[in-house]
């Protein structure tokens, strides 16, 4: 289905609903003027929200003529000037605080940030001047109290995001409230029981736990380690209750953690493919999302219960009862004879914007877990530190049309694409500034290889360290395979924290 490049972006799935004028259940926030947007700054606090620097207006300095008078009179004048400047400074600060900060709080109060960016304690989206916001409650907690084992936020948000997996070898890191930084976990006193606790705390189920491993200390250095305190027996349900900062690690190795056996396929492809038919087991995480036995969108398996797709796929049909998920089959006609898996919950990112396709990601939770096999397997979520590199090879797959306006394909197709850097994709010749940090461009600028309608929600994957990782979910584009109009995908790395939070709380 062709699109007019002057009419704005359109999402590349109209399989079930052809109309363009659908009502959107999501409100689109009106951004403040560009000069009011503060820059983002990195920090080590594990509450990931866009941040704004603390700013105090400097009072205007008035030049004073110094009359020839006694030292006492000069001193009085100087004290008076200092007093006036102090009053102006306090007044300016109050005006800024209750004006600028509060306005930003209204604008960004619903933002759920990405795991790949870390804020300063002064955070947009809250009234916190010092400390870190707990969440929607509006409370503030000192960054030194995050992950200290004691809930300080009303809902315990400060004890939620204290563990993470890093890099392609799944290095386990814990947040240290003492140094306010992430540190690798030493293998001293470690066992599988702690591995299961860690995986559950991150967002996985204990049932999918695979194993923990050991690797030579590759991170930390002078920053040190987090280590189990063998003298402290009460874990209190959170692993951080038993972890302490340490400058040494007697085993000389740190923990790597596999919470699920992901990213492995039984039939790896060695061919350079542009829109050819996939073989059984080649992309075992690919699923078809259907309504009334009709293929609507693609999706990606990340656990036995959870599927990643695009928010625009469920924008109109948001009831779980509408949907079934079919896994392990390559032909749409074969899917007619199977019942598929029912859906119990749909979670669209609440910051999804229908007009721009910003934050275009959603999760489906299945009523019953999938049975993994050679043709049904999960892909790996991209750990922190695993960045999409233009030099890597990326693959897309789906049952979408082979041409603009065409019908869905009977067979699962796949193609190799390249990730295109954001500056190029935002150039005037390509998408002219429409690509945000929640998006990834991938395709071939010369045209000819691309996702198309019916592929929406499906995976963009890459291979690293012999495993396959989910980099993006198919979102939108102008037409299909047009020159200088590559496909646009949701940036899964940006949404990693959001995904784990949903899995953990639902």
Protein backbone atom coordinates (compact mmCIF):
# COMPACT_ATOMS: atom_id res chain seq x y z
CA UNK A 1 0.00 0.00 0.00
CA UNK A 2 1.80 3.11 -1.20
CA UNK A 3 2.00 6.21 0.91
CA UNK A 4 2.32 9.84 -0.01
CA UNK A 5 5.67 11.01 1.45
CA UNK A 6 4.13 14.38 2.16
CA UNK A 7 1.29 13.01 4.23
CA UNK A 8 3.33 11.81 7.21
CA UNK A 9 4.45 8.35 8.29
CA UNK A 10 2.13 5.41 8.16
CA UNK A 11 2.52 2.09 9.84
CA UNK A 12 3.09 -0.87 7.62
CA UNK A 13 0.23 -3.10 8.62
CA UNK A 14 -3.32 -2.73 7.37
CA UNK A 15 -4.14 -6.42 7.20
CA UNK A 16 -7.30 -6.32 9.31
CA UNK A 17 -8.40 -2.71 9.31
CA UNK A 18 -8.02 -0.75 6.10
CA UNK A 19 -9.22 2.62 7.32
CA UNK A 20 -6.70 5.36 8.09
CA UNK A 21 -9.00 7.46 10.28
CA UNK A 22 -9.10 5.29 13.36
CA UNK A 23 -9.71 6.91 16.71
CA UNK A 24 -6.63 6.61 18.89
CA UNK A 25 -6.96 5.70 22.58
CA UNK A 26 -3.62 7.38 23.24
CA UNK A 27 -3.29 11.09 23.86
CA UNK A 28 -0.44 12.84 22.11
CA UNK A 29 1.46 15.14 24.43
CA UNK A 30 2.25 18.61 23.18
CA UNK A 31 5.95 19.24 23.50
CA UNK A 32 7.22 22.47 25.05
CA UNK A 33 9.17 24.93 22.93
CA UNK A 34 12.57 23.52 21.94
CA UNK A 35 14.46 26.08 24.01
CA UNK A 36 12.80 24.70 27.15
CA UNK A 37 13.99 21.13 26.63
CA UNK A 38 16.92 20.39 28.95
CA UNK A 39 19.85 18.25 27.83
CA UNK A 40 20.17 14.65 29.04
CA UNK A 41 23.12 13.83 31.25
CA UNK A 42 24.46 10.41 32.27
CA UNK A 43 24.64 9.24 35.84
CA UNK A 44 24.78 6.03 37.81
CA UNK A 45 21.38 6.13 39.51
CA UNK A 46 19.36 3.04 38.51
CA UNK A 47 16.04 4.92 38.22
CA UNK A 48 16.11 5.61 34.50
CA UNK A 49 14.37 8.85 33.63
CA UNK A 50 15.28 11.72 31.33
CA UNK A 51 17.05 14.29 33.42
CA UNK A 52 17.31 18.05 33.64
CA UNK A 53 20.23 19.93 35.17
CA UNK A 54 19.53 22.04 38.21
CA UNK A 55 19.60 25.63 37.13
CA UNK A 56 19.49 28.82 39.18
CA UNK A 57 19.06 32.05 37.21
CA UNK A 58 21.89 34.47 37.76
CA UNK A 59 20.57 37.94 38.72
CA UNK A 60 21.43 40.72 36.39
CA UNK A 61 24.53 42.57 37.55
CA UNK A 62 24.03 46.34 37.68
CA UNK A 63 27.13 48.46 37.31
CA UNK A 64 27.49 50.82 40.27
CA UNK A 65 29.36 54.14 40.19
CA UNK A 66 31.62 54.21 43.21
CA UNK A 67 31.45 57.75 44.75
CA UNK A 68 34.38 59.16 46.66
CA UNK A 69 33.23 58.55 50.24
CA UNK A 70 34.33 56.98 53.49
CA UNK A 71 35.05 53.26 53.82
CA UNK A 72 31.95 52.87 56.01
CA UNK A 73 29.66 54.24 53.34
CA UNK A 74 31.29 52.00 50.75
CA UNK A 75 30.78 48.99 52.96
CA UNK A 76 27.09 49.85 53.45
CA UNK A 77 26.58 50.20 49.72
CA UNK A 78 28.32 46.90 49.11
CA UNK A 79 26.19 45.14 51.71
CA UNK A 80 23.05 46.65 50.19
CA UNK A 81 24.02 45.42 46.71
CA UNK A 82 24.74 41.93 48.07
CA UNK A 83 21.36 41.92 49.82
CA UNK A 84 19.55 42.97 46.66
CA UNK A 85 21.37 40.34 44.63
CA UNK A 86 20.52 37.68 47.19
CA UNK A 87 16.82 38.60 47.13
CA UNK A 88 16.82 38.61 43.33
CA UNK A 89 18.54 35.23 43.29
CA UNK A 90 16.04 33.66 45.68
CA UNK A 91 13.14 35.19 43.75
CA UNK A 92 14.53 33.95 40.46
CA UNK A 93 15.01 30.46 41.83
CA UNK A 94 11.44 30.29 43.12
CA UNK A 95 10.07 31.54 39.80
CA UNK A 96 12.14 28.94 37.95
CA UNK A 97 11.24 26.15 40.33
CA UNK A 98 7.49 26.68 40.37
CA UNK A 99 7.35 27.64 36.70
CA UNK A 100 9.88 25.83 34.56
CA UNK A 101 10.31 22.65 36.65
CA UNK A 102 6.60 22.24 37.33
CA UNK A 103 5.76 22.71 33.66
CA UNK A 104 8.27 20.04 32.71
CA UNK A 105 6.81 17.78 35.38
CA UNK A 106 3.40 18.02 33.75
CA UNK A 107 4.87 17.36 30.31
CA UNK A 108 6.94 14.29 31.20
CA UNK A 109 5.16 12.85 34.23
CA UNK A 110 4.22 9.60 32.45
CA UNK A 111 7.58 8.89 30.85
CA UNK A 112 9.08 5.44 31.46
CA UNK A 113 12.74 5.70 30.45
CA UNK A 114 15.19 3.31 28.85
CA UNK A 115 17.73 1.23 30.65
CA UNK A 116 20.51 2.55 28.46
CA UNK A 117 20.35 6.09 29.85
CA UNK A 118 21.03 7.00 33.45
CA UNK A 119 19.88 10.25 35.03
CA UNK A 120 21.24 12.78 37.38
CA UNK A 121 19.38 13.08 40.70
CA UNK A 122 17.64 16.19 39.35
CA UNK A 123 15.03 14.53 37.18
CA UNK A 124 12.49 15.81 34.69
CA UNK A 125 9.01 14.53 35.38
CA UNK A 126 9.02 15.16 39.11
CA UNK A 127 9.27 17.97 41.62
CA UNK A 128 12.53 16.52 43.02
CA UNK A 129 15.28 19.10 43.21
CA UNK A 130 17.53 16.82 45.22
CA UNK A 131 17.15 13.05 45.10
CA UNK A 132 15.44 10.68 42.68
CA UNK A 133 11.66 10.44 42.07
CA UNK A 134 10.02 7.22 43.18
CA UNK A 135 7.45 7.20 40.40
CA UNK A 136 3.90 8.45 40.10
CA UNK A 137 3.67 9.07 43.87
CA UNK A 138 5.80 12.21 43.58
CA UNK A 139 8.01 11.18 46.51
CA UNK A 140 11.76 11.69 46.36
CA UNK A 141 14.52 9.49 47.74
CA UNK A 142 18.23 10.15 47.97
CA UNK A 143 20.23 8.25 45.35
CA UNK A 144 22.33 6.78 48.18
CA UNK A 145 19.24 4.93 49.42
CA UNK A 146 18.51 3.16 46.14
CA UNK A 147 19.06 -0.60 46.40
CA UNK A 148 20.15 -0.43 50.03
CA UNK A 149 17.78 -3.27 50.98
CA UNK A 150 15.19 -1.03 52.64
CA UNK A 151 12.14 0.21 50.68
CA UNK A 152 12.02 4.00 50.96
CA UNK A 153 9.58 4.73 48.14
CA UNK A 154 5.84 4.24 48.86
CA UNK A 155 5.65 1.31 46.41
CA UNK A 156 9.22 0.13 46.88
CA UNK A 157 10.39 1.37 43.47
CA UNK A 158 13.85 2.08 44.87
CA UNK A 159 14.39 -1.67 45.41
CA UNK A 160 13.14 -2.86 41.99
CA UNK A 161 15.93 -2.20 39.49
CA UNK A 162 19.01 -3.27 41.39
CA UNK A 163 20.28 -6.07 39.14
CA UNK A 164 20.97 -6.15 35.43
CA UNK A 165 22.62 -8.29 32.76
CA UNK A 166 25.46 -6.70 30.82
CA UNK A 167 26.95 -7.45 27.42
CA UNK A 168 26.83 -10.49 25.19
CA UNK A 169 28.16 -12.80 27.94
CA UNK A 170 25.34 -11.93 30.39
CA UNK A 171 27.56 -10.46 33.09
CA UNK A 172 25.51 -9.95 36.27
CA UNK A 173 25.81 -6.45 37.72
CA UNK A 174 24.35 -5.02 40.93
CA UNK A 175 23.85 -1.40 41.86
CA UNK A 176 25.93 -0.13 44.77
CA UNK A 177 24.23 2.61 46.83
CA UNK A 178 27.60 3.40 48.42
CA UNK A 179 29.42 4.31 45.21
CA UNK A 180 26.18 4.92 43.28
CA UNK A 181 27.44 2.80 40.39
CA UNK A 182 26.98 -0.64 38.80
CA UNK A 183 29.46 -3.34 39.80
CA UNK A 184 30.00 -6.97 38.74
CA UNK A 185 28.99 -9.64 41.23
CA UNK A 186 31.82 -11.79 42.62
CA UNK A 187 31.30 -15.57 42.54
CA UNK A 188 32.34 -15.92 46.22
CA UNK A 189 29.63 -18.03 47.95
CA UNK A 190 27.47 -17.97 44.79
CA UNK A 191 25.13 -20.84 43.85
CA UNK A 192 22.22 -21.61 41.51
CA UNK A 193 19.75 -20.65 44.22
CA UNK A 194 21.05 -17.08 44.10
CA UNK A 195 20.97 -17.25 40.31
CA UNK A 196 17.27 -18.09 40.37
CA UNK A 197 16.56 -15.27 42.83
CA UNK A 198 18.45 -12.85 40.59
CA UNK A 199 16.60 -13.89 37.42
CA UNK A 200 13.24 -13.58 39.14
CA UNK A 201 14.18 -10.15 40.44
CA UNK A 202 15.18 -9.01 36.94
CA UNK A 203 11.83 -10.12 35.49
CA UNK A 204 12.17 -13.76 34.40
CA UNK A 205 10.53 -16.82 35.89
CA UNK A 206 12.52 -19.30 37.96
CA UNK A 207 11.10 -21.99 35.67
CA UNK A 208 13.18 -20.76 32.73
CA UNK A 209 16.45 -20.49 34.69
CA UNK A 210 19.32 -22.04 32.77
CA UNK A 211 22.59 -21.68 34.67
CA UNK A 212 25.18 -19.36 36.11
CA UNK A 213 28.74 -19.25 34.91
CA UNK A 214 32.05 -17.72 35.86
CA UNK A 215 34.29 -15.44 33.92
CA UNK A 216 37.51 -13.66 34.74
CA UNK A 217 36.97 -10.20 36.16
CA UNK A 218 36.40 -8.06 33.06
CA UNK A 219 34.66 -5.10 34.61
CA UNK A 220 34.91 -3.21 37.84
CA UNK A 221 38.63 -2.57 38.27
CA UNK A 222 39.12 0.13 40.85
CA UNK A 223 35.35 0.38 41.03
CA UNK A 224 35.34 -2.97 42.87
CA UNK A 225 32.72 -5.68 43.16
CA UNK A 226 29.46 -6.59 44.81
CA UNK A 227 29.84 -9.71 46.95
CA UNK A 228 27.59 -11.96 48.99
CA UNK A 229 27.88 -11.36 52.71
CA UNK A 230 28.03 -14.88 54.13
CA UNK A 231 27.38 -13.64 57.67
CA UNK A 232 23.98 -12.15 56.79
CA UNK A 233 21.30 -14.82 56.67
CA UNK A 234 18.14 -12.74 56.09
CA UNK A 235 17.72 -11.95 52.39
CA UNK A 236 14.35 -10.25 52.88
CA UNK A 237 13.27 -11.37 49.40
CA UNK A 238 15.77 -9.08 47.64
CA UNK A 239 19.28 -10.09 46.74
CA UNK A 240 20.66 -6.63 47.43
CA UNK A 241 19.93 -7.26 51.11
CA UNK A 242 22.81 -9.69 51.05
CA UNK A 243 25.22 -7.94 48.68
CA UNK A 244 27.93 -5.59 49.88
CA UNK A 245 30.58 -3.55 48.11
CA UNK A 246 34.04 -5.07 48.15
CA UNK A 247 37.41 -4.06 46.76
CA UNK A 248 38.44 -7.69 46.30
CA UNK A 249 37.07 -10.98 44.99
CA UNK A 250 38.89 -14.04 46.33
CA UNK A 251 37.78 -16.36 43.52
CA UNK A 252 39.00 -13.91 40.91
CA UNK A 253 35.86 -14.43 38.83
CA UNK A 254 32.47 -12.77 38.44
CA UNK A 255 29.00 -14.15 37.78
CA UNK A 256 27.48 -14.59 34.34
CA UNK A 257 23.81 -15.50 34.38
CA UNK A 258 21.52 -17.18 31.87
CA UNK A 259 17.93 -16.65 32.95
CA UNK A 260 16.54 -18.38 29.86
CA UNK A 261 17.97 -20.45 27.03
CA UNK A 262 17.54 -17.89 24.25
CA UNK A 263 18.93 -16.89 20.89
CA UNK A 264 19.75 -20.39 19.60
CA UNK A 265 18.28 -21.82 16.44
CA UNK A 266 18.66 -25.34 15.13
CA UNK A 267 18.90 -24.45 11.46
CA UNK A 268 21.23 -21.44 11.06
CA UNK A 269 21.32 -19.69 7.72
CA UNK A 270 24.59 -19.11 5.89
CA UNK A 271 23.02 -17.55 2.82
CA UNK A 272 22.75 -13.89 1.87
CA UNK A 273 19.01 -13.55 1.51
CA UNK A 274 16.77 -10.79 0.23
CA UNK A 275 13.15 -11.79 0.61
CA UNK A 276 13.43 -15.58 0.34
CA UNK A 277 11.43 -18.32 2.06
CA UNK A 278 12.54 -19.32 5.56
CA UNK A 279 13.14 -22.92 6.55
CA UNK A 280 11.72 -24.72 9.58
CA UNK A 281 13.53 -23.67 12.74
CA UNK A 282 15.33 -20.79 11.03
CA UNK A 283 13.52 -18.08 13.01
CA UNK A 284 11.87 -20.05 15.85
CA UNK A 285 10.93 -16.90 17.81
CA UNK A 286 8.73 -15.55 14.99
CA UNK A 287 4.97 -15.77 15.63
CA UNK A 288 1.84 -14.75 13.76
CA UNK A 289 -0.66 -12.59 15.65
CA UNK A 290 -4.14 -13.30 14.36
CA UNK A 291 -7.75 -12.21 14.67
CA UNK A 292 -10.41 -14.62 13.43
CA UNK A 293 -7.72 -16.80 11.81
CA UNK A 294 -6.44 -13.85 9.81
CA UNK A 295 -2.80 -12.81 10.07
CA UNK A 296 -2.57 -9.23 11.33
CA UNK A 297 0.94 -8.66 12.68
CA UNK A 298 4.13 -10.41 13.60
CA UNK A 299 5.56 -10.89 17.05
CA UNK A 300 8.63 -12.25 18.81
CA UNK A 301 8.89 -14.83 21.61
CA UNK A 302 11.03 -13.69 24.57
CA UNK A 303 9.76 -16.12 27.25
CA UNK A 304 7.18 -18.96 27.27
CA UNK A 305 4.54 -16.41 28.28
CA UNK A 306 5.62 -13.13 26.67
CA UNK A 307 5.52 -11.84 23.08
CA UNK A 308 6.97 -8.53 21.87
CA UNK A 309 5.08 -6.69 19.11
CA UNK A 310 4.29 -3.14 18.00
CA UNK A 311 1.87 -0.87 19.86
CA UNK A 312 0.14 0.17 16.64
CA UNK A 313 -0.86 -3.48 16.07
CA UNK A 314 -3.08 -3.39 19.16
CA UNK A 315 -4.08 0.25 18.97
CA UNK A 316 -7.64 -0.47 17.84
CA UNK A 317 -8.06 -4.10 18.83
CA UNK A 318 -6.76 -3.90 22.38
CA UNK A 319 -8.85 -6.65 24.00
CA UNK A 320 -6.85 -9.82 24.62
CA UNK A 321 -9.86 -11.96 23.64
CA UNK A 322 -9.56 -10.74 20.03
CA UNK A 323 -6.16 -12.32 19.52
CA UNK A 324 -4.52 -15.69 19.10
CA UNK A 325 -0.79 -16.34 18.70
CA UNK A 326 0.49 -19.06 16.36
CA UNK A 327 4.07 -20.27 16.79
CA UNK A 328 6.24 -22.85 15.06
CA UNK A 329 4.55 -22.85 11.64
CA UNK A 330 5.77 -21.31 8.38
CA UNK A 331 2.66 -21.30 6.17
CA UNK A 332 -0.47 -19.27 6.87
CA UNK A 333 -2.72 -21.97 5.44
CA UNK A 334 -1.31 -24.50 7.91
CA UNK A 335 -2.24 -22.17 10.75
CA UNK A 336 -5.93 -22.45 9.88
CA UNK A 337 -6.00 -25.94 11.35
CA UNK A 338 -4.43 -25.10 14.73
CA UNK A 339 -6.14 -23.32 17.63
CA UNK A 340 -3.19 -21.09 18.51
CA UNK A 341 -2.48 -19.66 21.94
CA UNK A 342 -4.95 -17.35 23.65
CA UNK A 343 -3.84 -14.00 25.07
CA UNK A 344 -4.54 -12.98 28.67
CA UNK A 345 -3.01 -9.50 28.73
CA UNK A 346 -1.95 -6.77 26.29
CA UNK A 347 0.32 -3.96 27.46
CA UNK A 348 1.03 -1.13 25.01
CA UNK A 349 3.64 1.41 25.96
CA UNK A 350 1.65 4.30 27.43
CA UNK A 351 3.84 6.85 25.67
CA UNK A 352 3.06 5.48 22.23
CA UNK A 353 2.07 8.27 19.84
CA UNK A 354 -0.17 7.24 16.99
CA UNK A 355 0.75 10.10 14.67
CA UNK A 356 4.54 9.73 14.90
CA UNK A 357 4.83 6.05 15.94
CA UNK A 358 7.13 7.11 18.78
CA UNK A 359 7.40 4.42 21.52
CA UNK A 360 5.84 1.84 19.20
CA UNK A 361 6.12 -1.30 21.32
CA UNK A 362 3.71 -3.60 23.13
CA UNK A 363 3.71 -6.89 25.01
CA UNK A 364 1.27 -9.79 24.87
CA UNK A 365 1.05 -12.28 27.72
CA UNK A 366 -0.24 -15.73 26.82
CA UNK A 367 -2.80 -17.59 28.89
CA UNK A 368 -0.61 -20.72 28.90
CA UNK A 369 3.13 -21.00 28.30
CA UNK A 370 4.45 -22.07 24.93
CA UNK A 371 6.08 -25.49 24.71
CA UNK A 372 9.57 -24.88 23.36
CA UNK A 373 10.89 -27.12 20.58
CA UNK A 374 13.22 -26.95 17.58
CA UNK A 375 10.73 -24.63 15.88
CA UNK A 376 9.53 -22.64 18.93
CA UNK A 377 12.24 -20.84 20.89
CA UNK A 378 12.82 -17.42 22.46
CA UNK A 379 15.19 -14.77 21.18
CA UNK A 380 17.49 -12.94 23.61
CA UNK A 381 16.60 -9.47 24.82
CA UNK A 382 19.50 -7.06 24.20
CA UNK A 383 21.46 -6.69 27.41
CA UNK A 384 22.77 -3.32 28.49
CA UNK A 385 26.03 -2.67 26.66
CA UNK A 386 24.93 -4.59 23.56
CA UNK A 387 24.51 -1.82 21.02
CA UNK A 388 23.30 -2.03 17.43
CA UNK A 389 26.35 -1.51 15.19
CA UNK A 390 26.00 -0.58 11.51
CA UNK A 391 28.76 -3.08 10.63
CA UNK A 392 26.80 -6.06 11.98
CA UNK A 393 24.39 -8.16 9.95
CA UNK A 394 20.69 -7.82 10.74
CA UNK A 395 17.70 -9.87 9.64
CA UNK A 396 13.98 -9.28 9.33
CA UNK A 397 11.24 -11.86 8.88
CA UNK A 398 7.49 -11.96 8.43
CA UNK A 399 4.48 -12.87 6.31
CA UNK A 400 4.08 -9.32 5.00
CA UNK A 401 3.42 -8.36 1.40
CA UNK A 402 6.19 -8.61 -1.20
CA UNK A 403 5.14 -5.29 -2.74
CA UNK A 404 3.24 -2.17 -1.74
CA UNK A 405 -0.46 -2.87 -1.52
CA UNK A 406 0.01 -6.60 -1.98
CA UNK A 407 -1.53 -9.41 0.05
CA UNK A 408 0.19 -11.25 2.87
CA UNK A 409 2.59 -13.99 1.82
CA UNK A 410 1.70 -17.63 2.33
CA UNK A 411 5.25 -18.41 3.45
CA UNK A 412 7.45 -16.84 6.11
CA UNK A 413 9.97 -14.65 4.30
CA UNK A 414 13.29 -13.32 5.54
CA UNK A 415 15.81 -10.77 4.37
CA UNK A 416 19.16 -9.34 5.42
CA UNK A 417 19.29 -5.59 6.05
CA UNK A 418 21.73 -3.02 7.39
CA UNK A 419 21.17 -0.69 10.32
CA UNK A 420 21.39 2.93 9.16
CA UNK A 421 22.76 5.49 11.58
CA UNK A 422 20.32 8.04 12.96
CA UNK A 423 22.01 11.08 11.39
CA UNK A 424 21.70 9.57 7.93
CA UNK A 425 18.13 8.47 8.53
CA UNK A 426 17.16 11.92 9.80
CA UNK A 427 18.70 13.68 6.80
CA UNK A 428 16.48 15.67 4.46
CA UNK A 429 16.83 13.02 1.74
CA UNK A 430 15.58 10.22 3.98
CA UNK A 431 13.17 10.91 6.89
CA UNK A 432 13.95 14.54 7.58
CA UNK A 433 14.09 14.47 11.39
CA UNK A 434 11.25 12.00 12.05
CA UNK A 435 13.49 9.37 13.67
CA UNK A 436 13.60 9.58 17.47
CA UNK A 437 15.72 7.75 20.04
CA UNK A 438 12.94 5.15 20.36
CA UNK A 439 13.45 4.12 16.71
CA UNK A 440 16.03 2.32 14.56
CA UNK A 441 16.35 2.60 10.78
CA UNK A 442 17.24 -0.57 8.91
CA UNK A 443 17.12 -1.56 5.27
CA UNK A 444 18.95 -0.68 2.08
CA UNK A 445 19.03 2.97 1.04
CA UNK A 446 19.12 1.96 -2.62
CA UNK A 447 15.78 0.20 -2.08
CA UNK A 448 14.69 -3.30 -2.96
CA UNK A 449 14.82 -4.96 0.47
CA UNK A 450 12.39 -3.94 3.20
CA UNK A 451 9.59 -5.00 5.48
CA UNK A 452 6.07 -4.26 4.28
CA UNK A 453 2.45 -4.28 5.42
CA UNK A 454 1.75 -7.39 7.47
CA UNK A 455 5.29 -7.49 8.88
CA UNK A 456 4.52 -5.00 11.66
CA UNK A 457 5.52 -6.09 15.16
CA UNK A 458 7.91 -8.71 13.82
CA UNK A 459 11.58 -8.99 14.74
CA UNK A 460 14.74 -7.22 13.66
CA UNK A 461 17.54 -9.45 14.98
CA UNK A 462 21.32 -9.70 14.92
CA UNK A 463 23.85 -12.34 15.94
CA UNK A 464 26.54 -11.67 18.52
CA UNK A 465 28.64 -14.15 20.50
CA UNK A 466 26.87 -17.05 18.71
CA UNK A 467 23.45 -15.92 19.99
CA UNK A 468 20.58 -14.05 18.34
CA UNK A 469 19.34 -10.81 19.90
CA UNK A 470 16.14 -8.82 19.39
CA UNK A 471 17.17 -5.35 18.26
CA UNK A 472 13.87 -3.95 17.01
CA UNK A 473 10.17 -4.51 16.31
CA UNK A 474 8.86 -3.58 12.86
CA UNK A 475 7.10 -0.23 13.14
CA UNK A 476 6.62 1.97 10.06
CA UNK A 477 8.00 3.31 6.80
CA UNK A 478 7.08 5.17 3.62
CA UNK A 479 5.93 2.54 1.18
CA UNK A 480 7.91 -0.67 0.85
CA UNK A 481 11.52 -0.97 -0.34
CA UNK A 482 11.58 2.53 -1.83
CA UNK A 483 14.87 4.34 -2.40
CA UNK A 484 15.92 6.40 0.67
CA UNK A 485 12.92 5.12 2.62
CA UNK A 486 14.18 2.24 4.80
CA UNK A 487 12.08 0.48 7.39
CA UNK A 488 11.77 1.95 10.88
CA UNK A 489 11.79 -0.30 13.94
CA UNK A 490 11.13 0.20 17.63
CA UNK A 491 14.43 0.40 19.53
CA UNK A 492 14.14 -2.59 21.88
CA UNK A 493 17.29 -1.62 23.80
CA UNK A 494 15.63 1.66 24.71
CA UNK A 495 12.59 -0.23 26.05
CA UNK A 496 14.51 -2.92 27.93
CA UNK A 497 13.76 -1.50 31.37
CA UNK A 498 10.08 -1.13 30.48
CA UNK A 499 9.89 -4.74 29.24
CA UNK A 500 11.45 -6.15 32.40
CA UNK A 501 9.21 -4.01 34.59
CA UNK A 502 6.07 -5.35 32.87
CA UNK A 503 7.28 -8.94 33.12
CA UNK A 504 8.15 -8.44 36.77
CA UNK A 505 4.86 -6.86 37.82
CA UNK A 506 2.42 -8.76 35.60
